[in-house]
Amino acid sequence: MFLFDVDGTLTPSRQKIDKEFSKFFSIFCKNNDVFLVTGSDRDKTIEQLGKTLYNKSKRVYNCSGNSVWEKTKNVHTDEWTCPFVLSTYLELELNASKFSLRTGTHIEERPGCINFSIVGRKATFEERQLYVAWDCKTEERDSIAQNIRRLFPDLSVTVGGETGIDIAPKGHDKSQILQDFETYDTITFFGDKTFVGGNDYSVAHAIISKDLGTVHQVSDYKETWDILKSRYT
């Protein structure tokens, strides 16, 4: 079976899948057991992949596995919500940031988790790229993530996508989905943030440490495509 992250792995971050890669991946899904795991919610994932490709996956683990779907059937949804003390602290971090651009929706509640973004979820592509450059220079997200981990040790905090930080109760990260794959002999996982602190790390680390299969750290969908063509088709 094959397990894929979405943002940065199957699509450019927060953008739609490449049309030619979509055709290839559609055929790949037909011939293999394909599962998706992403920090985004169902609507956003469908916006990126299209409804047809979304439904060709055997199961989609949205919101890091806290909202689970099989086509149009909701298999499971976690009901955890952001505590007031956490949202208050995130507002302090937002106000303290020296990155001046704000676009709205800085604390986005999702099933079982939240996404925090300094620039905001309503940012345009160009505005997002401004923040990406800022974050690369200042490592602001890593610093904020470390602060949250220190103050809220019961939470899992990972840097996700290009502008956000994913926050959930410990154990509610992407690794929680592996319990569903015990019938498979091996798992092949593709992700763009399998390093420590990235939002693919928990599932990648579990696969490697428990000898459950293979992990491919990729830089973008083109590398995913190249690996699938050269090794798995």
Foldseek 3Di string as FASTA:
>chain_A
DEEEEPDQAQPPHLAAGDPVSLVVVLVVLVVDAYEYFYLADPVSVCRRNPLVSCQSHCKYQYNQNQFIDNRPDTPHHAADWDDPVVVVVLVVLLVPDPPPAADDAQWADDGQKIKGFSNHPRDDPVSLVVVLVVCVVVVSQVVVQVVCCVVPVQWDWADETRTIIMIGGPCSANLVCVVVVPVDQAYEYEDQFCDPRHSVVNNQVCCVVVVRYYYDHDRGNVVSVVCCVVPPD
